[in-house]
N, C-alpha and C. Protein backbone atom coordinates (compact mmCIF):
# COMPACT_ATOMS: atom_id res chain seq x y z
N MET A 1 136.31 72.65 70.80
CA MET A 1 135.51 72.77 68.86
C MET A 1 134.51 72.49 69.16
N GLY A 2 133.52 73.47 67.95
CA GLY A 2 132.45 72.53 67.44
C GLY A 2 132.19 71.53 66.82
N ASP A 3 131.08 71.34 66.40
CA ASP A 3 130.81 70.06 65.39
C ASP A 3 130.26 70.79 64.58
N PRO A 4 130.96 70.06 62.75
CA PRO A 4 130.24 70.74 61.79
C PRO A 4 129.16 71.04 61.85
N ALA A 5 128.47 69.02 61.79
CA ALA A 5 127.44 68.58 61.28
C ALA A 5 126.07 69.73 61.65
N TYR A 6 126.62 69.63 63.71
CA TYR A 6 125.28 69.90 64.25
C TYR A 6 125.30 71.62 63.91
N GLY A 7 126.91 72.58 63.81
CA GLY A 7 126.24 73.29 63.61
C GLY A 7 125.79 73.87 61.30
N GLU A 8 125.72 72.83 60.62
CA GLU A 8 124.72 72.23 59.71
C GLU A 8 123.48 72.93 60.08
N TYR A 9 122.85 71.25 60.86
CA TYR A 9 122.29 71.94 61.43
C TYR A 9 121.17 72.92 62.15
N LEU A 10 122.29 73.71 62.76
CA LEU A 10 121.21 74.92 63.16
C LEU A 10 121.48 75.71 61.73
N SER A 11 121.93 75.78 61.29
CA SER A 11 121.76 76.91 60.21
C SER A 11 120.90 77.73 59.58
N SER A 12 119.92 77.20 59.67
CA SER A 12 119.14 76.89 58.82
C SER A 12 118.22 78.68 59.02
N GLU A 13 118.79 78.84 59.93
CA GLU A 13 117.90 80.42 60.51
C GLU A 13 118.53 81.24 59.83
N CYS A 14 119.91 80.76 60.13
CA CYS A 14 121.64 81.65 59.86
C CYS A 14 120.86 82.39 58.21
N VAL A 15 120.81 81.29 57.77
CA VAL A 15 120.67 81.72 56.15
C VAL A 15 119.44 82.25 55.93
N THR A 16 118.55 82.68 56.77
CA THR A 16 117.51 83.12 56.10
C THR A 16 117.56 84.37 56.00
N CYS A 17 118.95 84.72 56.50
CA CYS A 17 119.63 86.16 56.28
C CYS A 17 120.70 86.25 55.49
N HIS A 18 121.54 85.81 56.34
CA HIS A 18 122.68 85.85 55.34
C HIS A 18 122.69 84.49 54.60
N GLN A 19 123.62 85.01 52.93
CA GLN A 19 123.49 83.82 52.14
C GLN A 19 124.13 83.06 52.39
N ALA A 20 123.81 81.42 51.70
CA ALA A 20 124.42 80.41 52.23
C ALA A 20 124.99 80.36 51.31
N ASP A 21 125.45 81.16 49.56
CA ASP A 21 126.66 80.82 49.45
C ASP A 21 127.56 82.32 49.17
N GLY A 22 127.53 83.16 50.16
CA GLY A 22 128.64 83.73 50.88
C GLY A 22 128.66 85.04 50.00
N SER A 23 127.03 85.25 49.42
CA SER A 23 127.44 86.29 48.76
C SER A 23 127.23 87.14 50.34
N ASP A 24 127.07 88.11 49.93
CA ASP A 24 126.95 89.73 50.21
C ASP A 24 126.26 91.21 49.38
N LYS A 25 124.27 90.16 50.09
CA LYS A 25 123.63 91.41 49.31
C LYS A 25 122.86 92.78 51.15
N GLY A 26 123.99 93.48 51.20
CA GLY A 26 122.99 93.96 51.66
C GLY A 26 123.66 93.42 53.40
N ILE A 27 123.53 92.26 53.52
CA ILE A 27 124.30 91.44 54.87
C ILE A 27 125.03 90.51 55.01
N PRO A 28 125.88 91.42 55.66
CA PRO A 28 127.87 90.69 55.98
C PRO A 28 127.75 89.05 55.70
N SER A 29 128.43 88.38 54.77
CA SER A 29 129.23 86.61 54.85
C SER A 29 129.24 86.08 56.06
N ILE A 30 128.77 85.62 56.18
CA ILE A 30 129.33 84.63 57.40
C ILE A 30 130.35 83.10 56.81
N THR A 31 130.27 83.39 55.98
CA THR A 31 130.55 82.10 55.40
C THR A 31 132.18 81.82 55.07
N GLY A 32 133.19 81.05 55.89
CA GLY A 32 134.94 81.25 55.68
C GLY A 32 135.31 81.79 56.57
N TRP A 33 134.32 82.12 57.91
CA TRP A 33 135.39 83.39 58.00
C TRP A 33 136.23 82.11 59.51
N PRO A 34 137.24 82.57 60.13
CA PRO A 34 138.38 81.66 61.30
C PRO A 34 137.00 81.28 62.05
N VAL A 35 137.28 81.08 62.56
CA VAL A 35 136.23 79.82 63.88
C VAL A 35 136.35 81.49 65.57
N GLU A 36 138.07 81.35 65.56
CA GLU A 36 137.53 82.36 66.75
C GLU A 36 136.97 83.46 65.93
N ASP A 37 136.73 84.32 65.15
CA ASP A 37 136.32 85.84 64.55
C ASP A 37 134.85 85.12 65.27
N PHE A 38 134.26 84.13 64.43
CA PHE A 38 133.09 83.66 64.69
C PHE A 38 132.12 84.06 66.10
N VAL A 39 133.09 83.22 66.91
CA VAL A 39 132.94 82.59 68.16
C VAL A 39 132.57 84.41 68.89
N ARG A 40 133.89 84.94 68.85
CA ARG A 40 134.05 86.07 69.24
C ARG A 40 132.59 87.82 69.10
N ALA A 41 132.75 87.32 67.20
CA ALA A 41 131.26 87.74 66.96
C ALA A 41 130.25 87.92 67.19
N MET A 42 129.81 86.63 67.51
CA MET A 42 128.43 86.37 68.04
C MET A 42 128.36 86.35 69.93
N HIS A 43 129.93 86.24 70.45
CA HIS A 43 129.02 86.38 72.35
C HIS A 43 129.09 87.87 72.03
N ALA A 44 130.08 88.77 72.08
CA ALA A 44 129.60 90.07 71.74
C ALA A 44 128.62 90.70 71.30
N TYR A 45 127.19 89.99 69.87
CA TYR A 45 126.31 89.94 69.88
C TYR A 45 125.89 89.62 71.54
N LYS A 46 125.71 88.51 72.33
CA LYS A 46 124.77 87.71 73.26
C LYS A 46 125.35 88.67 74.40
N GLN A 47 125.81 89.76 73.94
CA GLN A 47 126.89 90.24 75.85
C GLN A 47 126.75 91.40 75.40
N LYS A 48 125.62 91.47 73.96
CA LYS A 48 125.37 93.09 74.17
C LYS A 48 126.36 94.34 73.64
N LEU A 49 127.54 93.75 72.87
CA LEU A 49 128.63 94.40 73.13
C LEU A 49 128.64 95.37 71.52
N ARG A 50 127.52 94.42 70.55
CA ARG A 50 127.76 94.67 68.99
C ARG A 50 125.89 95.18 69.21
N PRO A 51 126.15 95.87 68.80
CA PRO A 51 124.70 96.69 68.15
C PRO A 51 124.32 96.62 67.03
N HIS A 52 123.07 95.31 67.23
CA HIS A 52 122.36 95.12 66.35
C HIS A 52 121.63 93.85 66.67
N PRO A 53 119.93 94.80 66.73
CA PRO A 53 119.14 93.91 68.27
C PRO A 53 118.51 92.50 67.85
N VAL A 54 118.82 92.55 66.43
CA VAL A 54 118.49 90.67 65.71
C VAL A 54 119.65 89.69 65.98
N MET A 55 120.72 90.61 65.35
CA MET A 55 121.74 89.56 65.66
C MET A 55 121.96 88.83 67.48
N GLN A 56 121.52 90.15 68.50
CA GLN A 56 121.58 90.16 69.97
C GLN A 56 120.39 89.28 70.05
N MET A 57 119.48 89.27 69.54
CA MET A 57 117.53 88.05 70.16
C MET A 57 118.96 86.89 70.42
N MET A 58 119.59 87.27 68.50
CA MET A 58 119.58 85.74 67.67
C MET A 58 120.50 84.85 68.76
N ALA A 59 121.90 85.83 68.83
CA ALA A 59 123.21 84.97 69.47
C ALA A 59 122.70 84.62 70.80
N GLY A 60 121.86 85.29 72.10
CA GLY A 60 121.26 85.20 73.16
C GLY A 60 120.43 83.41 73.37
N ARG A 61 119.95 84.06 72.44
CA ARG A 61 119.04 82.36 72.54
C ARG A 61 120.11 81.46 72.40
N LEU A 62 121.75 81.55 71.94
CA LEU A 62 122.86 79.74 71.63
C LEU A 62 123.17 79.69 72.76
N SER A 63 123.70 78.95 72.79
CA SER A 63 123.94 78.01 74.39
C SER A 63 125.89 78.70 72.97
N ASP A 64 126.92 78.00 74.00
CA ASP A 64 128.26 77.79 73.59
C ASP A 64 128.60 76.71 72.37
N GLU A 65 128.18 75.67 72.72
CA GLU A 65 128.22 74.52 72.13
C GLU A 65 127.53 74.86 70.55
N GLU A 66 126.39 75.44 70.73
CA GLU A 66 126.21 75.99 69.39
C GLU A 66 126.43 77.32 68.51
N ILE A 67 126.81 77.99 69.07
CA ILE A 67 127.64 78.86 68.68
C ILE A 67 128.83 77.89 68.33
N ALA A 68 129.60 77.33 69.13
CA ALA A 68 130.83 76.60 68.28
C ALA A 68 130.62 75.76 66.79
N ALA A 69 130.43 74.93 67.09
CA ALA A 69 128.82 74.77 66.47
C ALA A 69 128.91 75.00 64.89
N LEU A 70 127.74 76.10 65.38
CA LEU A 70 127.70 76.93 63.88
C LEU A 70 128.66 77.54 62.91
N ALA A 71 130.15 78.18 64.04
CA ALA A 71 130.96 78.42 63.15
C ALA A 71 132.39 77.65 62.79
N ALA A 72 132.20 76.34 63.19
CA ALA A 72 133.15 75.48 62.68
C ALA A 72 132.44 75.10 61.66
N TYR A 73 130.44 74.83 60.88
CA TYR A 73 129.95 74.69 59.60
C TYR A 73 130.67 76.06 59.44
N PHE A 74 130.34 76.91 59.29
CA PHE A 74 130.44 78.10 58.44
C PHE A 74 131.96 77.84 57.84
N ASN A 75 132.79 77.85 58.86
CA ASN A 75 133.82 78.05 58.38
C ASN A 75 134.39 76.98 57.54
N GLY A 76 133.85 75.80 57.20
CA GLY A 76 134.10 74.73 56.51
C GLY A 76 133.19 75.47 54.62
N VAL A 77 131.91 76.58 54.84
CA VAL A 77 131.46 77.17 53.77
C VAL A 77 132.37 77.55 52.81
N ARG A 78 132.49 77.06 51.34
CA ARG A 78 133.38 78.66 50.32
C ARG A 78 132.02 78.89 49.44
């Protein structure tokens, strides 16, 4: 389980591209995602199984604890 407060702290980089309000303006929304789906997607980027150079770089810098925290935070954002 991730710490949503820590995820909120980390989220500033995410919302430079992803919309904090959950809208999809060419970049997919990450708010309200099930925690498991978010974690699975981030690990797939980290392992370069999902193709997107920017997301691979961003995920590659995150620890498991940070990914869990972001998943917990964005799951609760509506």
